[in-house]
Amino acid sequence: MKRCFLFIACCLLMRLAMVAQVPEAYPCIVEFAATFVNHDGEVEEIGEEGGSYDAPLTVRFSVELTDTIGFEPLYEWNIIQIKDNKEAMHVRRNERMTEFTFKEGGNNISYRVELNITCRYRADEVYSCELTGDYPITFSLQGSSVQLFNAFSPNGDGTNDVYRVKTQSLLSFRMKIFNRWGQEVVSGDQNTLTAEHEEGFTYYVCWDGSYHGSVVEDGVYFILVEAEGSDGIKYVRRGDINVLTKSRKEDL
């Protein structure tokens, strides 16, 4: 009886071995990309060497595999934040293509993105292979800043015709401008103001020098700016704005 049981067991194992299918090829990574759209509307790829970028930064991660017939790929994107030289899991995603917006930045913060892929063989789940992405990327977000200027000349000569605020890596921005009597002349935020990008900085166009459709008189006006940076700094800035529509020659 015991020999009969062993014979039946051996036959079943041999049949399972015959049924089991051996893959002709195993999956491998053929393309890995981390891309974002810059301020000029161009798609750029973040390389392995990384870099420093303006916040907030939205990055699309994708991977392409070859020889996946018969396999079920399982993806794991690990986005790790390195803060004050200490690593912590920031977020984990499991899609082949995923997108994430990075908001926290500063001199003491950087990010590393790793990819792990498990390819499970569908036929009988006997064969599996672990693919560890050889493409970890690291990058950081720049620290924030807000700079106010104290004069502009809305006289239509093409030079310094609008009042702008120079910023970097802000998550929010809002401003109000008042005349000498405390009346609000204009206001806006990051959603309503025109943003111009030059040499890694963002300039918010705050005022064209008009009020109720007419250019204001020369004089001193006042600006209030409230903003929050990617590095957690909260700004409350006040400043004077000298409106100068006349040239020196006109005063002579």
Protein backbone atom coordinates (compact mmCIF):
# COMPACT_ATOMS: atom_id res chain seq x y z
CA MET A 1 0.00 0.00 0.00
CA LYS A 2 2.86 2.36 0.89
CA ARG A 3 4.67 1.59 -2.37
CA CYS A 4 1.46 2.23 -4.29
CA PHE A 5 1.06 5.63 -2.63
CA LEU A 6 4.65 6.57 -3.44
CA PHE A 7 4.19 5.46 -7.07
CA ILE A 8 1.04 7.58 -7.46
CA ALA A 9 2.77 10.57 -5.86
CA CYS A 10 5.74 10.23 -8.20
CA CYS A 11 3.43 10.03 -11.22
CA LEU A 12 1.64 13.18 -10.15
CA LEU A 13 4.93 15.04 -9.69
CA MET A 14 6.16 13.90 -13.11
CA ARG A 15 2.89 15.03 -14.71
CA LEU A 16 3.13 18.43 -13.02
CA ALA A 17 6.71 18.77 -14.24
CA MET A 18 5.58 17.98 -17.79
CA VAL A 19 2.70 20.46 -17.58
CA ALA A 20 4.89 23.23 -16.16
CA GLN A 21 6.00 25.61 -18.88
CA VAL A 22 9.47 27.08 -18.91
CA PRO A 23 9.59 30.67 -20.18
CA GLU A 24 11.52 31.18 -23.39
CA ALA A 25 12.77 34.54 -22.13
CA TYR A 26 12.64 36.60 -18.98
CA PRO A 27 11.56 40.25 -18.73
CA CYS A 28 14.08 43.04 -18.58
CA ILE A 29 13.91 46.82 -18.39
CA VAL A 30 14.33 48.49 -21.78
CA GLU A 31 13.35 52.04 -20.86
CA PHE A 32 13.07 54.05 -17.66
CA ALA A 33 12.05 57.70 -17.56
CA ALA A 34 11.34 60.46 -15.06
CA THR A 35 10.02 63.53 -16.86
CA PHE A 36 8.45 66.86 -15.97
CA VAL A 37 7.18 69.88 -17.86
CA ASN A 38 9.35 72.94 -17.30
CA HIS A 39 8.22 76.57 -17.17
CA ASP A 40 8.56 76.87 -20.95
CA GLY A 41 6.13 74.00 -21.51
CA GLU A 42 8.92 71.65 -22.58
CA VAL A 43 9.21 68.06 -21.36
CA GLU A 44 12.54 67.45 -19.65
CA GLU A 45 13.98 64.23 -18.30
CA ILE A 46 15.53 64.10 -14.85
CA GLY A 47 18.80 62.22 -15.22
CA GLU A 48 20.55 59.91 -12.81
CA GLU A 49 22.75 62.81 -11.73
CA GLY A 50 19.63 64.64 -10.58
CA GLY A 51 19.60 68.41 -10.13
CA SER A 52 17.80 71.18 -8.28
CA TYR A 53 14.37 72.35 -9.44
CA ASP A 54 11.79 75.01 -8.70
CA ALA A 55 8.87 73.90 -6.52
CA PRO A 56 6.27 72.59 -6.84
CA LEU A 57 7.62 69.95 -9.23
CA THR A 58 5.36 67.32 -10.82
CA VAL A 59 7.24 64.31 -12.20
CA ARG A 60 5.89 61.45 -14.32
CA PHE A 61 7.68 58.13 -13.80
CA SER A 62 7.41 55.32 -16.35
CA VAL A 63 9.09 52.04 -17.24
CA GLU A 64 8.97 49.69 -20.23
CA LEU A 65 9.69 45.96 -20.08
CA THR A 66 10.44 43.43 -22.78
CA ASP A 67 9.64 39.67 -22.95
CA THR A 68 6.64 39.86 -20.61
CA ILE A 69 4.58 37.13 -22.34
CA GLY A 70 3.34 34.75 -19.66
CA PHE A 71 4.45 37.06 -16.85
CA GLU A 72 2.53 39.35 -14.53
CA PRO A 73 4.72 42.35 -13.68
CA LEU A 74 4.21 43.93 -10.25
CA TYR A 75 5.66 47.44 -9.90
CA GLU A 76 6.84 49.26 -6.78
CA TRP A 77 7.98 52.88 -6.92
CA ASN A 78 9.64 53.99 -3.70
CA ILE A 79 9.96 57.76 -3.30
CA ILE A 80 12.34 58.42 -0.43
CA GLN A 81 12.84 61.78 1.23
CA ILE A 82 16.27 62.57 2.66
CA LYS A 83 15.99 65.28 5.30
CA ASP A 84 18.95 66.30 7.45
CA ASN A 85 20.77 63.15 6.19
CA LYS A 86 17.96 60.90 7.45
CA GLU A 87 15.98 58.77 4.99
CA ALA A 88 12.25 58.15 5.26
CA MET A 89 9.72 56.57 2.90
CA HIS A 90 7.77 59.49 1.43
CA VAL A 91 5.31 57.63 -0.81
CA ARG A 92 4.95 54.23 -2.53
CA ARG A 93 3.14 53.63 -5.82
CA ASN A 94 2.35 50.43 -7.74
CA GLU A 95 1.45 51.54 -11.28
CA ARG A 96 3.65 51.07 -14.32
CA MET A 97 3.31 54.81 -14.93
CA THR A 98 2.79 57.11 -11.98
CA GLU A 99 2.88 60.84 -11.30
CA PHE A 100 3.77 62.70 -8.14
CA THR A 101 4.05 66.38 -7.16
CA PHE A 102 6.99 67.27 -4.92
CA LYS A 103 6.37 70.32 -2.74
CA GLU A 104 8.82 70.31 0.15
CA GLY A 105 12.28 71.65 -0.61
CA GLY A 106 15.28 73.45 0.82
CA ASN A 107 19.00 72.98 1.35
CA ASN A 108 18.52 70.09 3.79
CA ILE A 109 16.04 68.06 1.70
CA SER A 110 16.49 65.84 -1.35
CA TYR A 111 14.65 62.89 -2.90
CA ARG A 112 15.63 59.48 -4.23
CA VAL A 113 13.31 57.41 -6.41
CA GLU A 114 13.83 53.65 -6.68
CA LEU A 115 12.00 51.06 -8.76
CA ASN A 116 11.49 47.41 -7.89
CA ILE A 117 9.71 44.99 -10.23
CA THR A 118 8.56 41.45 -9.48
CA CYS A 119 7.62 39.37 -12.53
CA ARG A 120 5.43 36.43 -11.58
CA TYR A 121 4.97 33.64 -14.14
CA ARG A 122 1.24 33.19 -14.80
CA ALA A 123 1.29 29.54 -15.95
CA ASP A 124 1.90 27.92 -12.59
CA GLU A 125 3.62 30.58 -10.47
CA VAL A 126 6.65 28.30 -10.18
CA TYR A 127 8.97 30.70 -11.97
CA SER A 128 9.48 34.22 -10.79
CA CYS A 129 12.20 36.78 -11.19
CA GLU A 130 13.10 39.90 -9.26
CA LEU A 131 14.05 42.96 -11.28
CA THR A 132 15.60 45.75 -9.27
CA GLY A 133 15.80 48.97 -11.21
CA ASP A 134 19.36 50.04 -11.77
CA TYR A 135 18.17 53.61 -12.26
CA PRO A 136 17.68 55.27 -8.88
CA ILE A 137 17.51 59.03 -9.37
CA THR A 138 18.13 61.80 -6.86
CA PHE A 139 17.17 65.45 -7.03
CA SER A 140 16.19 68.36 -4.79
CA LEU A 141 13.91 71.39 -4.74
CA GLN A 142 15.39 74.85 -4.40
CA GLY A 143 14.90 76.96 -1.30
CA SER A 144 12.30 79.73 -1.43
CA SER A 145 12.76 83.49 -1.73
CA VAL A 146 10.70 86.67 -2.18
CA GLN A 147 12.20 89.94 -3.39
CA LEU A 148 10.32 93.25 -3.66
CA PHE A 149 11.42 96.16 -5.85
CA ASN A 150 10.74 99.77 -4.92
CA ALA A 151 9.98 101.46 -8.25
CA PHE A 152 8.70 101.05 -11.80
CA SER A 153 7.71 103.37 -14.66
CA PRO A 154 4.41 102.51 -16.42
CA ASN A 155 4.93 105.03 -19.24
CA GLY A 156 4.78 102.64 -22.19
CA ASP A 157 8.43 102.95 -23.22
CA GLY A 158 8.94 99.18 -22.99
CA THR A 159 11.30 99.39 -20.03
CA ASN A 160 10.15 98.53 -16.50
CA ASP A 161 6.51 99.15 -17.48
CA VAL A 162 5.01 96.69 -14.97
CA TYR A 163 5.66 96.00 -11.34
CA ARG A 164 6.91 92.47 -10.68
CA VAL A 165 7.87 90.49 -7.57
CA LYS A 166 10.84 88.13 -7.88
CA THR A 167 10.26 84.71 -6.25
CA GLN A 168 11.55 81.17 -6.12
CA SER A 169 9.99 77.85 -5.05
CA LEU A 170 6.74 79.22 -3.65
CA LEU A 171 3.70 77.06 -2.99
CA SER A 172 1.40 80.05 -2.57
CA PHE A 173 1.57 83.79 -3.34
CA ARG A 174 -0.89 86.63 -2.89
CA MET A 175 -0.48 90.39 -2.86
CA LYS A 176 -2.35 93.67 -2.46
CA ILE A 177 -1.30 97.18 -3.47
CA PHE A 178 -2.68 100.31 -1.76
CA ASN A 179 -2.49 104.03 -2.40
CA ARG A 180 -1.43 106.60 0.20
CA TRP A 181 -4.97 106.75 1.62
CA GLY A 182 -5.09 103.00 2.23
CA GLN A 183 -7.42 102.24 -0.66
CA GLU A 184 -6.80 98.94 -2.40
CA VAL A 185 -5.64 99.54 -5.96
CA VAL A 186 -5.10 95.94 -7.14
CA SER A 187 -4.81 92.42 -5.71
CA GLY A 188 -4.10 88.90 -6.94
CA ASP A 189 -2.60 85.51 -6.20
CA GLN A 190 -0.67 82.71 -7.91
CA ASN A 191 -3.81 81.65 -9.77
CA THR A 192 -4.76 85.05 -11.20
CA LEU A 193 -1.43 86.78 -11.78
CA THR A 194 0.76 86.33 -14.85
CA ALA A 195 3.98 84.47 -14.01
CA GLU A 196 7.16 85.02 -16.01
CA HIS A 197 10.14 82.68 -15.63
CA GLU A 198 13.68 83.93 -16.04
CA GLU A 199 16.98 82.29 -15.07
CA GLY A 200 15.42 79.93 -12.53
CA PHE A 201 13.21 82.57 -10.88
CA THR A 202 9.48 83.24 -11.11
CA TYR A 203 8.37 86.84 -11.50
CA TYR A 204 4.73 87.60 -10.66
CA VAL A 205 3.38 90.51 -12.69
CA CYS A 206 1.45 92.39 -9.98
CA TRP A 207 0.52 95.77 -11.44
CA ASP A 208 0.51 97.72 -14.68
CA GLY A 209 0.21 101.07 -12.90
CA SER A 210 -3.47 101.61 -13.66
CA TYR A 211 -6.53 102.13 -11.49
CA HIS A 212 -10.07 102.08 -12.88
CA GLY A 213 -8.66 102.02 -16.41
CA SER A 214 -6.29 105.01 -16.08
CA VAL A 215 -2.61 105.27 -15.19
CA VAL A 216 -2.21 106.48 -11.62
CA GLU A 217 -0.40 109.64 -10.62
CA ASP A 218 3.26 109.50 -9.76
CA GLY A 219 3.91 108.92 -6.09
CA VAL A 220 4.43 106.30 -3.43
CA TYR A 221 2.19 103.24 -3.18
CA PHE A 222 2.38 100.31 -0.81
CA ILE A 223 2.48 96.54 -1.36
CA LEU A 224 1.67 93.66 0.98
CA VAL A 225 2.83 90.16 0.01
CA GLU A 226 1.95 86.92 1.82
CA ALA A 227 3.54 83.69 0.58
CA GLU A 228 4.60 80.20 1.62
CA GLY A 229 7.80 78.58 0.41
CA SER A 230 8.56 74.95 -0.37
CA ASP A 231 10.94 74.94 2.59
CA GLY A 232 8.13 75.86 5.01
CA ILE A 233 9.05 79.54 5.30
CA LYS A 234 6.03 81.85 5.51
CA TYR A 235 6.52 85.35 4.17
CA VAL A 236 4.77 88.57 5.09
CA ARG A 237 6.50 91.37 3.20
CA ARG A 238 5.59 95.05 3.02
CA GLY A 239 7.22 97.61 0.81
CA ASP A 240 7.00 100.98 -0.91
CA ILE A 241 6.47 101.29 -4.66
CA ASN A 242 7.51 104.53 -6.36
CA VAL A 243 5.50 105.07 -9.55
CA LEU A 244 7.60 107.15 -11.98
CA THR A 245 5.84 107.85 -15.28
CA LYS A 246 7.80 110.98 -16.12
CA SER A 247 11.39 110.98 -17.30
CA ARG A 248 14.00 113.38 -15.99
CA LYS A 249 13.98 115.23 -19.31
CA GLU A 250 10.25 115.97 -18.89
CA ASP A 251 10.93 117.49 -15.49
CA LEU A 252 13.51 119.91 -16.90
